[in-house]
Amino acid sequence: MIREDKTMKTVIHTQDAPAAIGPYSQALAFDKLVFTSGQLPLDPATMAFVEGGIKEQAYQSLKNLKAVLEQAGAGIDSVLKTTCFLADMEDFIAFNEVYTEVFGTDAAPARSCVQAARLPKDALVEVEAIAFINLN
């Protein structure tokens, strides 16, 4: 679902990613840019975390991110910047393995990756992005 308001921003929502667990949108688009909210490793069908550790949670967070981006007309290949939050910086190497599988290394997005004192629902990872909408 895409909903435009009078400020020219567009609210992005898809059933293929978890519903917001607070007062925020899955993403907003403005002109040709998409700003996603942080994507947790929740299965959109059950709203429960996927089983496993950091790698499984990272895959799910990035899968959710991809679904939101695609709903907006963007995609993994149009991501300009990510911000990645880890519950434990000891997971940095394992997280990077998954991140590299998704984004590659050539022309990978700019990125910040920080340890958060605590993530929503005690997630191990959360990822947000800024991307451009593919108009082709």
N, C-alpha and C. Protein backbone atom coordinates (compact mmCIF):
# COMPACT_ATOMS: atom_id res chain seq x y z
N MET A 1 0.85 -1.17 0.00
CA MET A 1 0.00 0.00 0.00
C MET A 1 0.89 1.24 0.00
N ILE A 2 0.56 2.17 -0.83
CA ILE A 2 1.26 3.45 -0.88
C ILE A 2 0.21 4.53 -0.68
N ARG A 3 0.48 5.45 0.26
CA ARG A 3 -0.46 6.52 0.54
C ARG A 3 0.29 7.85 0.52
N GLU A 4 -0.17 8.77 -0.29
CA GLU A 4 0.45 10.09 -0.35
C GLU A 4 -0.30 11.05 0.56
N ASP A 5 0.44 11.98 1.16
CA ASP A 5 -0.23 13.03 1.93
C ASP A 5 0.11 14.37 1.30
N LYS A 6 -0.39 15.45 1.87
CA LYS A 6 -0.26 16.77 1.26
C LYS A 6 1.16 17.34 1.32
N THR A 7 2.07 16.71 2.07
CA THR A 7 3.44 17.22 2.15
C THR A 7 4.32 16.60 1.08
N MET A 8 3.75 15.81 0.19
CA MET A 8 4.49 15.14 -0.89
C MET A 8 5.28 13.94 -0.41
N LYS A 9 5.14 13.59 0.85
CA LYS A 9 5.77 12.35 1.28
C LYS A 9 4.78 11.22 1.08
N THR A 10 5.29 10.04 0.83
CA THR A 10 4.46 8.88 0.56
C THR A 10 4.72 7.83 1.63
N VAL A 11 3.67 7.35 2.25
CA VAL A 11 3.79 6.30 3.25
C VAL A 11 3.86 4.96 2.53
N ILE A 12 4.84 4.16 2.90
CA ILE A 12 5.04 2.85 2.29
C ILE A 12 4.67 1.78 3.31
N HIS A 13 3.88 0.80 2.85
CA HIS A 13 3.51 -0.32 3.72
C HIS A 13 3.36 -1.58 2.88
N THR A 14 3.87 -2.69 3.40
CA THR A 14 3.70 -3.98 2.75
C THR A 14 3.40 -5.05 3.79
N GLN A 15 2.60 -6.01 3.40
CA GLN A 15 2.32 -7.17 4.26
C GLN A 15 3.50 -8.13 4.28
N ASP A 16 4.47 -7.94 3.38
CA ASP A 16 5.63 -8.83 3.28
C ASP A 16 6.73 -8.50 4.28
N ALA A 17 6.49 -7.50 5.11
CA ALA A 17 7.41 -7.14 6.19
C ALA A 17 6.57 -6.96 7.45
N PRO A 18 7.21 -7.05 8.62
CA PRO A 18 6.44 -6.92 9.86
C PRO A 18 5.73 -5.57 9.96
N ALA A 19 4.54 -5.60 10.52
CA ALA A 19 3.82 -4.37 10.79
C ALA A 19 4.60 -3.57 11.85
N ALA A 20 4.44 -2.28 11.81
CA ALA A 20 5.10 -1.43 12.81
C ALA A 20 4.63 -1.82 14.21
N ILE A 21 5.55 -1.82 15.16
CA ILE A 21 5.19 -2.15 16.54
C ILE A 21 5.08 -0.88 17.38
N GLY A 22 4.99 0.25 16.72
CA GLY A 22 4.86 1.54 17.39
C GLY A 22 4.29 2.56 16.42
N PRO A 23 4.31 3.83 16.81
CA PRO A 23 3.72 4.88 15.96
C PRO A 23 4.69 5.37 14.88
N TYR A 24 4.93 4.52 13.90
CA TYR A 24 5.82 4.88 12.80
C TYR A 24 5.42 4.10 11.55
N SER A 25 5.94 4.53 10.41
CA SER A 25 5.69 3.88 9.13
C SER A 25 6.82 2.90 8.83
N GLN A 26 6.54 1.89 8.04
CA GLN A 26 7.62 0.99 7.60
C GLN A 26 8.65 1.79 6.80
N ALA A 27 8.16 2.74 6.03
CA ALA A 27 9.05 3.62 5.26
C ALA A 27 8.27 4.83 4.79
N LEU A 28 9.01 5.86 4.45
CA LEU A 28 8.45 7.05 3.80
C LEU A 28 9.28 7.32 2.55
N ALA A 29 8.61 7.71 1.49
CA ALA A 29 9.30 8.14 0.29
C ALA A 29 9.08 9.63 0.13
N PHE A 30 10.09 10.29 -0.37
CA PHE A 30 10.00 11.71 -0.69
C PHE A 30 10.75 11.92 -1.99
N ASP A 31 10.05 12.38 -2.99
CA ASP A 31 10.63 12.52 -4.32
C ASP A 31 11.15 11.15 -4.75
N LYS A 32 12.42 11.01 -4.99
CA LYS A 32 12.98 9.73 -5.45
C LYS A 32 13.74 8.99 -4.35
N LEU A 33 13.59 9.42 -3.10
CA LEU A 33 14.28 8.76 -1.99
C LEU A 33 13.31 8.00 -1.10
N VAL A 34 13.78 6.90 -0.54
CA VAL A 34 13.03 6.10 0.41
C VAL A 34 13.83 6.03 1.70
N PHE A 35 13.16 6.29 2.81
CA PHE A 35 13.75 6.22 4.14
C PHE A 35 13.01 5.13 4.91
N THR A 36 13.69 4.03 5.20
CA THR A 36 13.00 2.95 5.92
C THR A 36 13.17 3.11 7.42
N SER A 37 12.22 2.57 8.14
CA SER A 37 12.38 2.41 9.58
C SER A 37 13.28 1.20 9.80
N GLY A 38 13.78 1.06 11.00
CA GLY A 38 14.60 -0.10 11.31
C GLY A 38 13.79 -1.38 11.16
N GLN A 39 14.38 -2.35 10.51
CA GLN A 39 13.71 -3.63 10.29
C GLN A 39 14.28 -4.67 11.26
N LEU A 40 13.39 -5.18 12.09
CA LEU A 40 13.74 -6.21 13.05
C LEU A 40 13.64 -7.58 12.39
N PRO A 41 14.21 -8.59 13.01
CA PRO A 41 14.18 -9.95 12.44
C PRO A 41 12.89 -10.69 12.76
N LEU A 42 11.77 -10.03 12.57
CA LEU A 42 10.47 -10.64 12.82
C LEU A 42 9.93 -11.28 11.56
N ASP A 43 9.35 -12.46 11.69
CA ASP A 43 8.64 -13.09 10.59
C ASP A 43 7.33 -12.32 10.44
N PRO A 44 7.04 -11.75 9.26
CA PRO A 44 5.83 -10.94 9.11
C PRO A 44 4.54 -11.71 9.36
N ALA A 45 4.55 -13.01 9.13
CA ALA A 45 3.33 -13.81 9.31
C ALA A 45 3.02 -14.06 10.78
N THR A 46 4.07 -14.24 11.59
CA THR A 46 3.86 -14.60 13.00
C THR A 46 4.20 -13.48 13.96
N MET A 47 4.93 -12.47 13.47
CA MET A 47 5.44 -11.38 14.31
C MET A 47 6.32 -11.91 15.45
N ALA A 48 6.95 -13.04 15.21
CA ALA A 48 7.91 -13.63 16.17
C ALA A 48 9.29 -13.61 15.52
N PHE A 49 10.32 -13.59 16.36
CA PHE A 49 11.68 -13.66 15.83
C PHE A 49 11.90 -15.01 15.14
N VAL A 50 12.71 -14.98 14.10
CA VAL A 50 13.12 -16.23 13.48
C VAL A 50 14.03 -16.95 14.48
N GLU A 51 14.05 -18.27 14.41
CA GLU A 51 14.89 -19.04 15.31
C GLU A 51 16.33 -18.98 14.86
N GLY A 52 17.23 -19.06 15.82
CA GLY A 52 18.65 -19.04 15.51
C GLY A 52 19.33 -17.85 16.14
N GLY A 53 20.54 -17.60 15.70
CA GLY A 53 21.35 -16.53 16.26
C GLY A 53 21.46 -15.33 15.34
N ILE A 54 22.59 -14.67 15.42
CA ILE A 54 22.79 -13.41 14.69
C ILE A 54 22.65 -13.59 13.18
N LYS A 55 23.16 -14.67 12.61
CA LYS A 55 23.07 -14.83 11.16
C LYS A 55 21.62 -14.97 10.70
N GLU A 56 20.85 -15.79 11.38
CA GLU A 56 19.45 -15.97 11.01
C GLU A 56 18.66 -14.67 11.19
N GLN A 57 18.95 -13.97 12.28
CA GLN A 57 18.25 -12.70 12.51
C GLN A 57 18.68 -11.65 11.48
N ALA A 58 19.95 -11.63 11.12
CA ALA A 58 20.42 -10.68 10.11
C ALA A 58 19.74 -10.94 8.77
N TYR A 59 19.68 -12.21 8.36
CA TYR A 59 19.00 -12.54 7.10
C TYR A 59 17.56 -12.06 7.12
N GLN A 60 16.85 -12.29 8.22
CA GLN A 60 15.44 -11.90 8.28
C GLN A 60 15.29 -10.38 8.26
N SER A 61 16.13 -9.67 9.00
CA SER A 61 16.06 -8.20 8.98
C SER A 61 16.28 -7.67 7.57
N LEU A 62 17.25 -8.24 6.87
CA LEU A 62 17.54 -7.79 5.51
C LEU A 62 16.45 -8.22 4.52
N LYS A 63 15.85 -9.37 4.75
CA LYS A 63 14.70 -9.80 3.93
C LYS A 63 13.54 -8.83 4.10
N ASN A 64 13.29 -8.42 5.35
CA ASN A 64 12.22 -7.46 5.62
C ASN A 64 12.54 -6.11 4.98
N LEU A 65 13.79 -5.69 5.07
CA LEU A 65 14.22 -4.44 4.46
C LEU A 65 13.97 -4.48 2.95
N LYS A 66 14.34 -5.59 2.33
CA LYS A 66 14.15 -5.75 0.89
C LYS A 66 12.68 -5.64 0.51
N ALA A 67 11.80 -6.25 1.29
CA ALA A 67 10.36 -6.20 1.00
C ALA A 67 9.83 -4.77 1.06
N VAL A 68 10.25 -4.03 2.05
CA VAL A 68 9.81 -2.63 2.18
C VAL A 68 10.34 -1.80 1.02
N LEU A 69 11.60 -1.97 0.70
CA LEU A 69 12.20 -1.23 -0.41
C LEU A 69 11.48 -1.54 -1.73
N GLU A 70 11.21 -2.80 -1.98
CA GLU A 70 10.55 -3.18 -3.23
C GLU A 70 9.12 -2.62 -3.31
N GLN A 71 8.44 -2.55 -2.18
CA GLN A 71 7.10 -1.96 -2.17
C GLN A 71 7.16 -0.49 -2.60
N ALA A 72 8.27 0.17 -2.27
CA ALA A 72 8.45 1.58 -2.59
C ALA A 72 8.95 1.81 -4.01
N GLY A 73 9.31 0.73 -4.72
CA GLY A 73 9.87 0.89 -6.06
C GLY A 73 11.37 0.98 -6.06
N ALA A 74 11.98 0.64 -4.94
CA ALA A 74 13.44 0.64 -4.81
C ALA A 74 13.89 -0.83 -4.71
N GLY A 75 15.08 -1.05 -4.23
CA GLY A 75 15.57 -2.42 -4.05
C GLY A 75 16.91 -2.41 -3.37
N ILE A 76 17.41 -3.59 -3.10
CA ILE A 76 18.72 -3.72 -2.44
C ILE A 76 19.79 -3.01 -3.26
N ASP A 77 19.68 -3.09 -4.58
CA ASP A 77 20.70 -2.48 -5.45
C ASP A 77 20.62 -0.95 -5.49
N SER A 78 19.57 -0.37 -4.93
CA SER A 78 19.47 1.09 -4.93
C SER A 78 19.70 1.70 -3.54
N VAL A 79 20.16 0.90 -2.60
CA VAL A 79 20.43 1.40 -1.25
C VAL A 79 21.70 2.26 -1.27
N LEU A 80 21.57 3.46 -0.73
CA LEU A 80 22.69 4.39 -0.65
C LEU A 80 23.39 4.33 0.70
N LYS A 81 22.62 4.11 1.77
CA LYS A 81 23.16 4.17 3.13
C LYS A 81 22.37 3.24 4.02
N THR A 82 23.06 2.51 4.88
CA THR A 82 22.39 1.72 5.91
C THR A 82 22.92 2.13 7.27
N THR A 83 22.08 1.95 8.25
CA THR A 83 22.49 2.05 9.64
C THR A 83 22.11 0.72 10.27
N CYS A 84 23.09 0.08 10.86
CA CYS A 84 22.92 -1.26 11.41
C CYS A 84 23.17 -1.19 12.92
N PHE A 85 22.25 -1.76 13.66
CA PHE A 85 22.34 -1.77 15.11
C PHE A 85 22.51 -3.22 15.56
N LEU A 86 23.53 -3.48 16.35
CA LEU A 86 23.77 -4.80 16.90
C LEU A 86 23.63 -4.75 18.41
N ALA A 87 23.04 -5.78 18.97
CA ALA A 87 22.93 -5.86 20.43
C ALA A 87 24.29 -6.14 21.05
N ASP A 88 25.18 -6.78 20.28
CA ASP A 88 26.51 -7.15 20.79
C ASP A 88 27.52 -7.02 19.66
N MET A 89 28.49 -6.16 19.81
CA MET A 89 29.50 -5.94 18.77
C MET A 89 30.34 -7.19 18.53
N GLU A 90 30.27 -8.17 19.41
CA GLU A 90 30.94 -9.45 19.18
C GLU A 90 30.34 -10.17 17.96
N ASP A 91 29.13 -9.77 17.56
CA ASP A 91 28.47 -10.37 16.40
C ASP A 91 28.84 -9.68 15.09
N PHE A 92 29.74 -8.70 15.13
CA PHE A 92 30.08 -7.89 13.97
C PHE A 92 30.56 -8.73 12.78
N ILE A 93 31.46 -9.67 13.01
CA ILE A 93 32.01 -10.48 11.92
C ILE A 93 30.92 -11.35 11.30
N ALA A 94 30.14 -12.02 12.13
CA ALA A 94 29.06 -12.87 11.61
C ALA A 94 28.02 -12.03 10.87
N PHE A 95 27.69 -10.87 11.41
CA PHE A 95 26.75 -9.98 10.73
C PHE A 95 27.30 -9.57 9.38
N ASN A 96 28.57 -9.23 9.32
CA ASN A 96 29.19 -8.80 8.06
C ASN A 96 29.14 -9.90 7.00
N GLU A 97 29.24 -11.16 7.41
CA GLU A 97 29.15 -12.25 6.44
C GLU A 97 27.80 -12.24 5.73
N VAL A 98 26.73 -12.08 6.50
CA VAL A 98 25.39 -12.03 5.93
C VAL A 98 25.21 -10.75 5.11
N TYR A 99 25.64 -9.64 5.65
CA TYR A 99 25.51 -8.34 4.98
C TYR A 99 26.21 -8.38 3.62
N THR A 100 27.38 -8.99 3.57
CA THR A 100 28.14 -9.09 2.32
C THR A 100 27.41 -9.96 1.30
N GLU A 101 26.77 -11.03 1.76
CA GLU A 101 25.99 -11.88 0.85
C GLU A 101 24.86 -11.09 0.20
N VAL A 102 24.26 -10.19 0.94
CA VAL A 102 23.12 -9.42 0.44
C VAL A 102 23.58 -8.24 -0.41
N PHE A 103 24.56 -7.47 0.08
CA PHE A 103 24.95 -6.24 -0.60
C PHE A 103 26.22 -6.37 -1.45
N GLY A 104 26.99 -7.43 -1.26
CA GLY A 104 28.26 -7.56 -1.96
C GLY A 104 29.28 -6.60 -1.40
N THR A 105 30.40 -6.47 -2.11
CA THR A 105 31.46 -5.56 -1.66
C THR A 105 31.71 -4.43 -2.65
N ASP A 106 31.44 -4.68 -3.93
CA ASP A 106 31.62 -3.64 -4.94
C ASP A 106 30.44 -2.67 -4.86
N ALA A 107 30.73 -1.42 -4.63
CA ALA A 107 29.71 -0.37 -4.54
C ALA A 107 28.69 -0.66 -3.44
N ALA A 108 29.14 -1.28 -2.36
CA ALA A 108 28.26 -1.51 -1.21
C ALA A 108 27.82 -0.15 -0.66
N PRO A 109 26.64 -0.11 -0.04
CA PRO A 109 26.16 1.17 0.49
C PRO A 109 27.10 1.73 1.57
N ALA A 110 27.06 3.04 1.72
CA ALA A 110 27.71 3.65 2.88
C ALA A 110 27.01 3.05 4.11
N ARG A 111 27.71 2.95 5.24
CA ARG A 111 27.11 2.25 6.37
C ARG A 111 27.68 2.75 7.70
N SER A 112 26.81 2.77 8.67
CA SER A 112 27.21 2.91 10.07
C SER A 112 26.75 1.64 10.76
N CYS A 113 27.56 1.12 11.66
CA CYS A 113 27.18 -0.07 12.41
C CYS A 113 27.58 0.17 13.86
N VAL A 114 26.59 0.16 14.73
CA VAL A 114 26.85 0.47 16.14
C VAL A 114 26.23 -0.58 17.05
N GLN A 115 26.78 -0.68 18.23
CA GLN A 115 26.17 -1.51 19.25
C GLN A 115 25.16 -0.67 20.01
N ALA A 116 23.97 -1.20 20.16
CA ALA A 116 22.91 -0.52 20.91
C ALA A 116 22.78 -1.17 22.28
N ALA A 117 22.50 -0.37 23.27
CA ALA A 117 22.35 -0.91 24.62
C ALA A 117 21.25 -1.96 24.67
N ARG A 118 20.18 -1.72 23.91
CA ARG A 118 19.08 -2.67 23.85
C ARG A 118 18.23 -2.35 22.63
N LEU A 119 17.85 -3.37 21.88
CA LEU A 119 17.01 -3.19 20.71
C LEU A 119 15.58 -3.61 21.05
N PRO A 120 14.60 -3.12 20.27
CA PRO A 120 13.21 -3.49 20.53
C PRO A 120 13.02 -5.01 20.59
N LYS A 121 12.24 -5.44 21.54
CA LYS A 121 11.91 -6.86 21.73
C LYS A 121 13.17 -7.71 21.97
N ASP A 122 14.28 -7.06 22.35
CA ASP A 122 15.56 -7.74 22.60
C ASP A 122 16.12 -8.43 21.36
N ALA A 123 15.90 -7.83 20.20
CA ALA A 123 16.46 -8.34 18.95
C ALA A 123 17.98 -8.31 19.02
N LEU A 124 18.62 -9.11 18.19
CA LEU A 124 20.08 -9.09 18.08
C LEU A 124 20.54 -8.08 17.04
N VAL A 125 19.64 -7.69 16.11
CA VAL A 125 20.01 -6.81 15.02
C VAL A 125 18.78 -6.02 14.54
N GLU A 126 19.05 -4.84 14.02
CA GLU A 126 18.04 -4.02 13.37
C GLU A 126 18.75 -3.24 12.27
N VAL A 127 18.13 -3.13 11.10
CA VAL A 127 18.76 -2.45 9.96
C VAL A 127 17.77 -1.49 9.32
N GLU A 128 18.25 -0.26 9.06
CA GLU A 128 17.45 0.72 8.33
C GLU A 128 18.25 1.19 7.13
N ALA A 129 17.57 1.81 6.17
CA ALA A 129 18.25 2.21 4.93
C ALA A 129 17.65 3.47 4.33
N ILE A 130 18.47 4.09 3.50
CA ILE A 130 18.04 5.16 2.61
C ILE A 130 18.36 4.66 1.20
N ALA A 131 17.38 4.72 0.32
CA ALA A 131 17.57 4.21 -1.04
C ALA A 131 16.91 5.17 -2.03
N PHE A 132 17.20 4.96 -3.30
CA PHE A 132 16.51 5.73 -4.33
C PHE A 132 15.54 4.84 -5.08
N ILE A 133 14.49 5.44 -5.57
CA ILE A 133 13.47 4.70 -6.31
C ILE A 133 13.93 4.54 -7.74
N ASN A 134 13.90 3.30 -8.21
CA ASN A 134 14.27 3.00 -9.60
C ASN A 134 13.14 3.41 -10.52
N LEU A 135 13.39 4.33 -11.40
CA LEU A 135 12.34 4.82 -12.29
C LEU A 135 12.38 4.17 -13.66
N ASN A 136 13.24 3.17 -13.84
CA ASN A 136 13.36 2.50 -15.15
C ASN A 136 12.21 1.59 -15.41
